[in-house]
Protein backbone atom coordinates (compact mmCIF):
# COMPACT_ATOMS: atom_id res chain seq x y z
CA MET A 1 -8.19 -12.97 -39.83
CA THR A 2 -11.59 -11.50 -40.49
CA THR A 3 -13.31 -9.83 -43.45
CA THR A 4 -15.30 -7.55 -41.25
CA ALA A 5 -14.10 -4.09 -40.13
CA CYS A 6 -11.91 -4.23 -36.99
CA THR A 7 -13.37 -2.56 -33.90
CA THR A 8 -10.20 -3.31 -31.94
CA PRO A 9 -6.57 -4.01 -33.03
CA LEU A 10 -7.01 -7.82 -32.47
CA ASP A 11 -10.68 -8.21 -33.41
CA GLY A 12 -11.11 -11.74 -34.77
CA ILE A 13 -8.13 -13.28 -32.94
CA ARG A 14 -8.84 -16.08 -30.54
CA VAL A 15 -6.34 -16.88 -27.73
CA ILE A 16 -6.57 -19.98 -25.56
CA ASP A 17 -4.94 -19.23 -22.17
CA LEU A 18 -3.74 -22.41 -20.44
CA SER A 19 -1.15 -20.50 -18.41
CA THR A 20 -0.28 -20.39 -14.73
CA SER A 21 0.47 -17.07 -12.94
CA LEU A 22 3.74 -16.85 -14.85
CA GLY A 23 1.97 -16.40 -18.20
CA THR A 24 -1.42 -14.99 -17.39
CA TYR A 25 -0.49 -11.32 -17.87
CA ALA A 26 0.25 -11.99 -21.52
CA GLY A 27 -3.32 -13.05 -21.98
CA ARG A 28 -4.55 -9.85 -20.30
CA LEU A 29 -2.58 -7.83 -22.82
CA PHE A 30 -4.21 -9.65 -25.71
CA ALA A 31 -7.62 -9.18 -24.11
CA ASP A 32 -7.05 -5.49 -23.80
CA LEU A 33 -6.34 -5.30 -27.50
CA GLY A 34 -9.66 -6.96 -28.30
CA ALA A 35 -8.72 -10.60 -28.75
CA ASP A 36 -11.17 -13.26 -27.66
CA VAL A 37 -9.12 -14.68 -24.80
CA ILE A 38 -10.50 -17.91 -23.30
CA LYS A 39 -9.09 -18.91 -19.94
CA VAL A 40 -9.32 -22.61 -19.47
CA GLU A 41 -9.67 -23.37 -15.70
CA PRO A 42 -9.62 -26.65 -13.87
CA PRO A 43 -12.78 -27.75 -12.00
CA GLY A 44 -13.00 -25.56 -8.91
CA GLY A 45 -11.19 -22.66 -10.59
CA ALA A 46 -7.64 -21.57 -11.12
CA SER A 47 -5.47 -21.49 -7.97
CA GLU A 48 -4.80 -17.81 -8.70
CA ARG A 49 -8.37 -17.05 -7.61
CA THR A 50 -7.14 -17.62 -3.99
CA VAL A 51 -4.18 -15.21 -4.11
CA PRO A 52 -4.65 -12.22 -1.71
CA PRO A 53 -5.42 -9.43 -1.27
CA PHE A 54 -9.20 -9.77 -1.68
CA THR A 55 -12.07 -7.36 -2.09
CA GLU A 56 -14.80 -7.23 0.57
CA LYS A 57 -16.72 -9.92 -1.33
CA GLY A 58 -13.73 -12.21 -1.50
CA THR A 59 -12.46 -11.65 -5.03
CA SER A 60 -8.73 -11.84 -5.61
CA VAL A 61 -7.53 -8.46 -6.73
CA PHE A 62 -4.54 -10.09 -8.39
CA PHE A 63 -6.81 -12.43 -10.39
CA ALA A 64 -9.19 -9.59 -11.34
CA PHE A 65 -6.25 -7.66 -12.72
CA THR A 66 -4.78 -10.53 -14.85
CA GLU A 67 -8.09 -11.91 -16.01
CA ALA A 68 -10.09 -8.77 -16.91
CA GLY A 69 -11.55 -9.14 -20.41
CA LYS A 70 -11.13 -12.90 -20.63
CA ARG A 71 -13.89 -15.62 -20.82
CA SER A 72 -13.69 -18.60 -18.49
CA VAL A 73 -14.15 -22.17 -19.56
CA VAL A 74 -14.07 -25.37 -17.47
CA LEU A 75 -13.68 -28.55 -19.38
CA ASP A 76 -15.48 -31.41 -17.61
CA GLY A 77 -16.23 -35.00 -18.08
CA SER A 78 -13.81 -37.83 -18.59
CA ASP A 79 -10.12 -37.35 -19.59
CA THR A 80 -11.10 -38.25 -23.12
CA ASP A 81 -13.99 -35.71 -23.09
CA ARG A 82 -11.73 -32.95 -21.80
CA ALA A 83 -9.02 -33.68 -24.30
CA ASP A 84 -11.54 -33.72 -27.14
CA GLN A 85 -13.02 -30.36 -26.00
CA LEU A 86 -9.54 -28.82 -25.75
CA GLU A 87 -8.62 -30.04 -29.23
CA ARG A 88 -11.71 -28.48 -30.67
CA LEU A 89 -10.96 -25.27 -28.92
CA LEU A 90 -7.46 -25.18 -30.31
CA GLY A 91 -8.89 -25.86 -33.71
CA THR A 92 -10.64 -22.54 -33.57
CA ALA A 93 -7.71 -20.53 -32.06
CA HIS A 94 -4.90 -18.44 -33.46
CA VAL A 95 -2.78 -18.29 -30.30
CA LEU A 96 -2.20 -20.69 -27.38
CA ILE A 97 -0.44 -19.51 -24.14
CA THR A 98 1.20 -22.00 -21.75
CA SER A 99 3.66 -21.33 -18.97
CA GLU A 100 5.20 -24.58 -17.75
CA GLY A 101 8.42 -26.40 -18.44
CA PRO A 102 8.75 -28.85 -21.35
CA GLY A 103 8.51 -31.93 -19.13
CA ARG A 104 5.24 -30.90 -17.61
CA LEU A 105 3.79 -29.80 -21.00
CA ARG A 106 4.69 -33.17 -22.47
CA GLU A 107 2.93 -35.00 -19.60
CA ARG A 108 -0.19 -33.01 -20.46
CA GLY A 109 0.14 -33.56 -24.21
CA LEU A 110 0.80 -29.90 -24.70
CA HIS A 111 4.45 -29.75 -25.66
CA PRO A 112 4.72 -27.05 -28.35
CA GLU A 113 6.17 -29.57 -30.95
CA ASP A 114 3.15 -31.89 -30.41
CA VAL A 115 0.63 -29.03 -30.39
CA THR A 116 1.81 -27.41 -33.56
CA SER A 117 2.11 -30.68 -35.39
CA ARG A 118 -1.64 -31.15 -34.69
CA HIS A 119 -2.50 -27.58 -35.32
CA PRO A 120 -0.03 -26.11 -37.86
CA ARG A 121 -1.92 -22.81 -38.06
CA LEU A 122 -1.49 -22.21 -34.30
CA VAL A 123 0.93 -19.78 -32.66
CA HIS A 124 2.04 -21.53 -29.45
CA VAL A 125 3.43 -19.02 -27.03
CA SER A 126 5.39 -21.08 -24.55
CA ILE A 127 6.33 -18.98 -21.52
CA SER A 128 8.40 -21.06 -19.06
CA PRO A 129 10.86 -20.34 -16.24
CA PHE A 130 13.97 -21.19 -18.27
CA GLY A 131 12.83 -21.90 -21.87
CA LEU A 132 12.06 -25.19 -23.64
CA THR A 133 15.71 -26.30 -23.85
CA GLY A 134 18.84 -26.33 -21.77
CA PRO A 135 19.97 -27.99 -18.52
CA TRP A 136 17.53 -25.93 -16.48
CA ALA A 137 14.49 -26.30 -18.64
CA ASP A 138 12.49 -28.33 -16.16
CA ARG A 139 13.66 -26.67 -12.94
CA PRO A 140 10.85 -25.41 -10.70
CA ALA A 141 10.91 -21.65 -10.17
CA CYS A 142 8.97 -18.80 -8.51
CA ASP A 143 9.14 -15.03 -8.83
CA LEU A 144 11.97 -14.71 -6.35
CA THR A 145 14.18 -17.38 -7.94
CA LEU A 146 13.59 -16.02 -11.41
CA MET A 147 14.53 -12.52 -10.27
CA ALA A 148 17.70 -14.08 -8.88
CA ALA A 149 18.46 -16.25 -11.88
CA GLY A 150 17.98 -13.31 -14.32
CA GLY A 151 20.39 -11.01 -12.36
CA LEU A 152 17.87 -8.33 -11.34
CA LEU A 153 17.88 -9.31 -7.67
CA ALA A 154 21.60 -8.47 -7.44
CA LEU A 155 20.95 -4.83 -8.20
CA ALA A 156 18.01 -4.33 -5.86
CA GLY A 157 18.41 -3.16 -2.26
CA GLU A 158 20.84 -1.43 -0.08
CA ALA A 159 24.59 -1.99 -0.74
CA ASP A 160 25.40 -3.40 2.66
CA LEU A 161 22.28 -5.51 3.02
CA PRO A 162 20.95 -8.66 1.23
CA PRO A 163 19.07 -8.24 -2.05
CA VAL A 164 15.39 -7.26 -1.85
CA ARG A 165 12.79 -8.63 -4.25
CA ALA A 166 10.49 -6.05 -5.80
CA TRP A 167 6.88 -6.09 -4.67
CA GLY A 168 4.43 -8.13 -6.80
CA ASN A 169 4.88 -10.75 -9.37
CA GLN A 170 7.38 -8.79 -11.53
CA THR A 171 8.71 -11.75 -13.54
CA SER A 172 5.15 -12.54 -14.81
CA VAL A 173 4.90 -8.92 -15.97
CA ILE A 174 8.35 -8.90 -17.59
CA ALA A 175 7.90 -12.29 -19.26
CA GLY A 176 4.30 -11.40 -20.31
CA LEU A 177 5.42 -8.18 -22.03
CA HIS A 178 8.21 -9.98 -23.98
CA ALA A 179 5.80 -12.88 -24.84
CA ALA A 180 2.98 -10.58 -26.06
CA THR A 181 5.46 -8.60 -28.31
CA ALA A 182 6.89 -11.71 -29.82
CA ALA A 183 3.46 -13.36 -30.21
CA LEU A 184 2.08 -10.34 -32.11
CA MET A 185 4.96 -10.71 -34.59
CA ALA A 186 4.10 -14.40 -35.00
CA VAL A 187 0.45 -13.48 -35.57
CA LEU A 188 1.49 -11.13 -38.39
CA VAL A 189 3.37 -14.01 -40.07
CA LEU A 190 0.33 -16.26 -39.49
CA GLU A 191 -1.83 -13.70 -41.34
CA GLU A 192 0.59 -13.46 -44.25
CA THR A 193 1.52 -17.08 -44.67
CA GLY A 194 -1.08 -19.13 -42.81
CA ARG A 195 1.58 -20.82 -40.81
CA GLY A 196 1.84 -20.93 -37.06
CA GLN A 197 4.97 -21.31 -35.07
CA ILE A 198 6.42 -21.79 -31.60
CA VAL A 199 7.30 -18.72 -29.55
CA ASP A 200 9.68 -19.91 -26.82
CA VAL A 201 9.93 -17.35 -24.02
CA SER A 202 12.28 -17.81 -21.08
CA ALA A 203 11.42 -15.75 -18.03
CA GLN A 204 15.04 -15.91 -16.93
CA GLU A 205 16.13 -14.37 -20.27
CA ALA A 206 13.32 -11.83 -20.17
CA VAL A 207 14.56 -10.69 -16.75
CA ALA A 208 18.17 -10.62 -17.98
CA HIS A 209 17.07 -8.52 -20.92
CA SER A 210 15.73 -5.95 -18.54
CA LEU A 211 18.98 -5.14 -16.79
CA GLU A 212 19.57 -1.92 -18.76
CA ASN A 213 23.32 -1.62 -19.34
CA ALA A 214 24.58 -3.73 -16.38
CA VAL A 215 25.93 -6.39 -18.75
CA GLN A 216 27.65 -3.87 -20.99
CA TYR A 217 29.40 -2.45 -17.95
CA VAL A 218 31.10 -5.79 -17.49
CA ASP A 219 31.76 -6.25 -21.10
CA LEU A 220 33.14 -2.82 -21.93
CA GLU A 221 34.54 -1.52 -18.59
CA ASP A 222 35.04 -4.65 -16.52
CA THR A 223 32.86 -3.07 -13.95
CA ILE A 224 30.16 -4.95 -12.00
CA ARG A 225 27.27 -2.76 -11.10
CA ARG A 226 26.12 -3.31 -7.56
CA ARG A 227 23.21 -2.37 -5.30
CA VAL A 228 23.12 1.30 -4.28
CA GLY A 229 19.74 1.36 -2.60
CA SER A 230 18.17 4.81 -2.23
CA GLY A 231 21.53 6.51 -1.61
CA PRO A 232 23.10 8.50 -4.40
CA VAL A 233 26.52 7.59 -5.87
CA GLU A 234 27.34 11.25 -6.47
CA ALA A 235 26.25 14.71 -5.25
CA GLY A 236 23.04 16.10 -6.77
CA THR A 237 21.52 12.78 -7.78
CA GLY A 238 19.10 10.58 -5.89
CA LEU A 239 16.03 10.71 -3.65
CA PHE A 240 15.50 13.84 -1.49
CA ALA A 241 12.83 14.41 1.10
CA CYS A 242 10.43 17.33 0.90
CA SER A 243 7.32 18.39 2.80
CA ASP A 244 4.94 15.72 1.49
CA GLY A 245 7.17 12.83 0.35
CA TRP A 246 10.13 12.47 -1.93
CA ILE A 247 11.49 13.77 -5.25
CA TYR A 248 14.19 12.26 -7.52
CA LEU A 249 16.81 14.64 -8.71
CA VAL A 250 19.44 14.19 -11.41
CA GLY A 251 22.03 16.85 -10.78
CA GLY A 252 25.04 14.77 -11.88
CA LEU A 253 25.68 11.73 -14.00
CA GLY A 254 28.90 9.98 -14.71
CA GLY A 255 30.82 12.52 -12.57
CA LEU A 256 29.50 15.45 -14.72
CA PRO A 257 27.71 18.32 -13.03
CA LEU A 258 24.53 18.37 -15.13
CA ALA A 259 22.37 21.54 -14.73
CA TRP A 260 24.58 22.38 -11.71
CA ASP A 261 24.42 26.09 -12.37
CA ALA A 262 20.64 25.98 -12.68
CA ILE A 263 20.30 24.05 -9.42
CA THR A 264 22.61 26.54 -7.63
CA GLU A 265 20.59 29.53 -8.97
CA TRP A 266 17.38 27.83 -7.91
CA LEU A 267 18.60 27.34 -4.31
CA GLU A 268 20.08 30.90 -4.11
CA GLY A 269 16.90 32.44 -5.48
CA GLY A 270 14.90 30.50 -2.91
CA GLY A 271 16.77 32.20 -0.11
CA LEU A 272 18.76 29.18 1.04
CA GLU A 273 21.52 30.36 3.24
CA ASP A 274 25.02 29.23 2.07
CA ALA A 275 23.72 27.84 -1.19
CA GLY A 276 26.63 29.85 -2.80
CA LYS A 277 29.05 27.23 -1.66
CA LEU A 278 27.89 25.05 -4.55
CA ARG A 279 29.82 27.47 -6.85
CA GLU A 280 33.11 26.41 -5.28
CA PRO A 281 35.50 24.78 -7.86
CA ARG A 282 35.56 21.45 -6.07
CA TRP A 283 31.97 20.73 -7.13
CA ARG A 284 33.36 20.39 -10.68
CA GLU A 285 35.73 17.67 -9.62
CA ARG A 286 34.58 14.10 -10.14
CA GLY A 287 36.26 12.82 -6.99
CA TRP A 288 34.74 15.34 -4.69
CA ARG A 289 31.25 14.99 -6.18
CA ARG A 290 31.47 11.26 -5.60
CA SER A 291 32.91 11.53 -2.10
CA ASP A 292 30.78 10.75 0.99
CA GLU A 293 31.33 14.26 2.23
CA GLY A 294 30.34 15.76 -1.01
CA VAL A 295 27.18 13.66 -1.16
CA ARG A 296 26.25 14.57 2.47
CA THR A 297 26.88 18.31 1.92
CA PHE A 298 24.64 18.56 -1.08
CA ARG A 299 21.93 16.54 0.56
CA ASP A 300 21.93 18.82 3.60
CA LEU A 301 21.62 21.91 1.38
CA PHE A 302 18.93 20.61 -0.89
CA GLU A 303 16.75 19.04 1.80
CA ARG A 304 16.76 22.28 3.75
CA PHE A 305 15.53 23.94 0.64
CA ALA A 306 12.99 21.31 -0.11
CA ALA A 307 11.61 20.86 3.41
CA PRO A 308 8.83 23.64 3.19
CA ARG A 309 7.94 22.80 -0.45
CA THR A 310 5.75 20.02 -1.92
CA LYS A 311 7.03 17.55 -4.46
CA GLN A 312 4.64 19.08 -7.03
CA GLN A 313 6.04 22.51 -6.51
CA LEU A 314 9.62 21.26 -6.75
CA TYR A 315 8.74 19.26 -9.89
CA GLU A 316 7.12 22.23 -11.71
CA GLU A 317 9.74 24.78 -10.79
CA GLY A 318 12.64 22.37 -11.54
CA GLN A 319 11.21 21.44 -14.85
CA ARG A 320 10.70 25.13 -15.67
CA ARG A 321 14.43 25.62 -15.03
CA GLY A 322 15.45 22.74 -17.22
CA ILE A 323 16.40 20.52 -14.35
CA SER A 324 15.80 16.71 -14.36
CA ILE A 325 13.55 16.17 -11.45
CA ALA A 326 10.31 14.09 -10.76
CA PRO A 327 8.03 13.49 -7.87
CA VAL A 328 8.00 10.02 -6.35
CA SER A 329 4.33 9.19 -6.86
CA THR A 330 2.44 6.99 -4.35
CA PRO A 331 -0.51 4.89 -5.56
CA ASP A 332 -2.83 7.64 -4.17
CA ASP A 333 -1.00 10.21 -6.14
CA LEU A 334 -1.51 8.22 -9.35
CA LEU A 335 -5.26 7.80 -8.71
CA THR A 336 -5.65 11.57 -8.34
CA SER A 337 -3.12 12.56 -11.06
CA PRO A 338 -4.68 15.12 -13.40
CA GLN A 339 -2.54 13.87 -16.25
CA LEU A 340 -3.71 10.27 -15.90
CA ALA A 341 -7.27 11.44 -15.30
CA GLU A 342 -7.22 13.49 -18.51
CA ARG A 343 -6.05 10.46 -20.47
CA GLY A 344 -8.47 8.07 -18.76
CA PHE A 345 -5.73 5.72 -17.75
CA PHE A 346 -7.51 4.09 -14.74
CA ARG A 347 -10.65 2.15 -15.62
CA ARG A 348 -13.53 0.72 -13.55
CA ILE A 349 -14.62 -2.86 -14.01
CA THR A 350 -17.56 -4.58 -12.26
CA VAL A 351 -17.13 -7.80 -10.37
CA GLY A 352 -20.58 -8.87 -9.22
CA ASP A 353 -21.91 -5.90 -7.39
CA GLU A 354 -18.41 -4.54 -6.67
CA ALA A 355 -16.56 -1.93 -8.77
CA LEU A 356 -12.78 -2.19 -9.03
CA THR A 357 -10.30 0.43 -10.37
CA LEU A 358 -7.66 -1.15 -12.59
CA PRO A 359 -4.75 0.31 -14.66
CA GLY A 360 -5.67 0.61 -18.30
CA SER A 361 -3.39 0.39 -21.25
CA PRO A 362 -0.47 2.81 -21.70
CA TYR A 363 -1.15 3.23 -25.35
CA ARG A 364 -3.93 4.74 -27.44
CA PHE A 365 -5.30 3.99 -30.88
CA GLN A 366 -7.07 6.72 -32.80
CA GLY A 367 -10.80 6.17 -32.72
CA LEU A 368 -10.70 3.13 -30.48
CA ASP A 369 -11.23 2.78 -26.76
CA ILE A 370 -8.85 0.10 -25.44
CA ALA A 371 -9.71 -0.85 -21.85
CA PRO A 372 -9.97 -3.87 -19.49
CA GLY A 373 -13.10 -5.86 -20.17
CA ARG A 374 -15.51 -7.99 -18.13
CA PHE A 375 -14.05 -10.17 -15.28
CA PRO A 376 -15.11 -13.86 -15.24
CA GLU A 377 -16.66 -13.90 -11.79
CA ARG A 378 -16.81 -17.63 -11.46
CA PRO A 379 -14.92 -20.50 -13.01
CA GLY A 380 -16.58 -21.77 -16.22
CA ILE A 381 -19.11 -18.92 -16.51
CA ASP A 382 -18.69 -18.96 -20.28
CA THR A 383 -18.41 -22.70 -20.89
CA ARG A 384 -21.69 -23.25 -22.50
CA ALA A 385 -21.40 -20.23 -24.81
CA VAL A 386 -17.91 -21.20 -25.92
CA LEU A 387 -18.37 -24.95 -26.38
CA THR A 388 -21.75 -24.78 -28.14
CA SER A 389 -20.18 -22.44 -30.72
CA LEU A 390 -17.45 -24.91 -31.69
CA PRO A 391 -17.65 -26.71 -34.96
CA ALA A 392 -19.09 -30.20 -34.71
CA ALA A 393 -19.49 -29.83 -30.97
CA ASP A 394 -21.16 -32.52 -28.90
CA THR A 395 -22.94 -30.37 -26.33
CA ASN A 396 -24.47 -32.94 -24.05
CA SER A 397 -24.01 -33.34 -20.31
CA ASP A 398 -20.31 -32.36 -20.32
CA ILE A 399 -21.15 -28.74 -20.78
CA LYS A 400 -21.67 -26.84 -17.55
CA GLU A 401 -21.70 -23.23 -16.37
């Protein structure tokens, strides 16, 4: 895309972000990789700017997270003026991101077929609730309904209670990750052939793609996986309380006693009274290990052992013994994690006179520092800079900051 040396993986790539909250995370991923991501906001700003929680100065934390590294443009003037400005923007772009159904896109003159016919070198990443085709293509949706339609909601929560939606806008993250991956492949094709294309991403399908092996259970074993909540399905596996929180232990899987001897030796060596009962032959039997009594018996033993110990102590000792165990980290644990600190995962960005800590990228490129960029503090802050740089731009009274 450029003849100059790249300073970031996507140096020289321009992305126009016309998305709603469903697609805005994809733009953030492009921005982290160094693309010039231009967020086009309506006059008055995107509605996502009003999503709580807020900083002390009233900035939406959600919006700061998704928009870090983007530039903000507001297209003003008459309908004709705005349409002309957008067309000139698209003429300089490599990627366009939208996140509405085909009907709404067509009303706005942004249906991917129309856009790519006008701009054949453009990759149009169309993220929508149910995709561009099919009987549900124009159905309205939200995070809750998409979690339900994709099947993930059925697996979340306690077995004897209604399903529980995971915190946050998870479908935006899931769809955004899938969209960014597919879009990067389309950008490679664009570089090689000079041809753009439509990337049609269904949030429902992205969620269904994230169900691990739940579908295969039905297909191969005629078994429907169901909610199990925080409770284990067999002895030795699940969440266990300790002195400062919880740990997750995998002491059995598929009815097999994984690392059972190592766990037993650990509890015995720690002075736990009656830990030796774990050596009884019944613990090798699938039925006993999956019985309610077996699960309760192991939990009583292990939580008595864990009660005076911290999750970090349990983690380090369990790992040393070859046992699958991990601490259940809280947000505060993550912020103080020596591992994440050493790798510089969390980054600080400035919003006005406030400093916010945001998650960085979970990948590294040798010799490059990939991190969230500047946050557009107010709608249209970059309008003049962007529009005056467009070819044959008419930069009269329609350009505002």
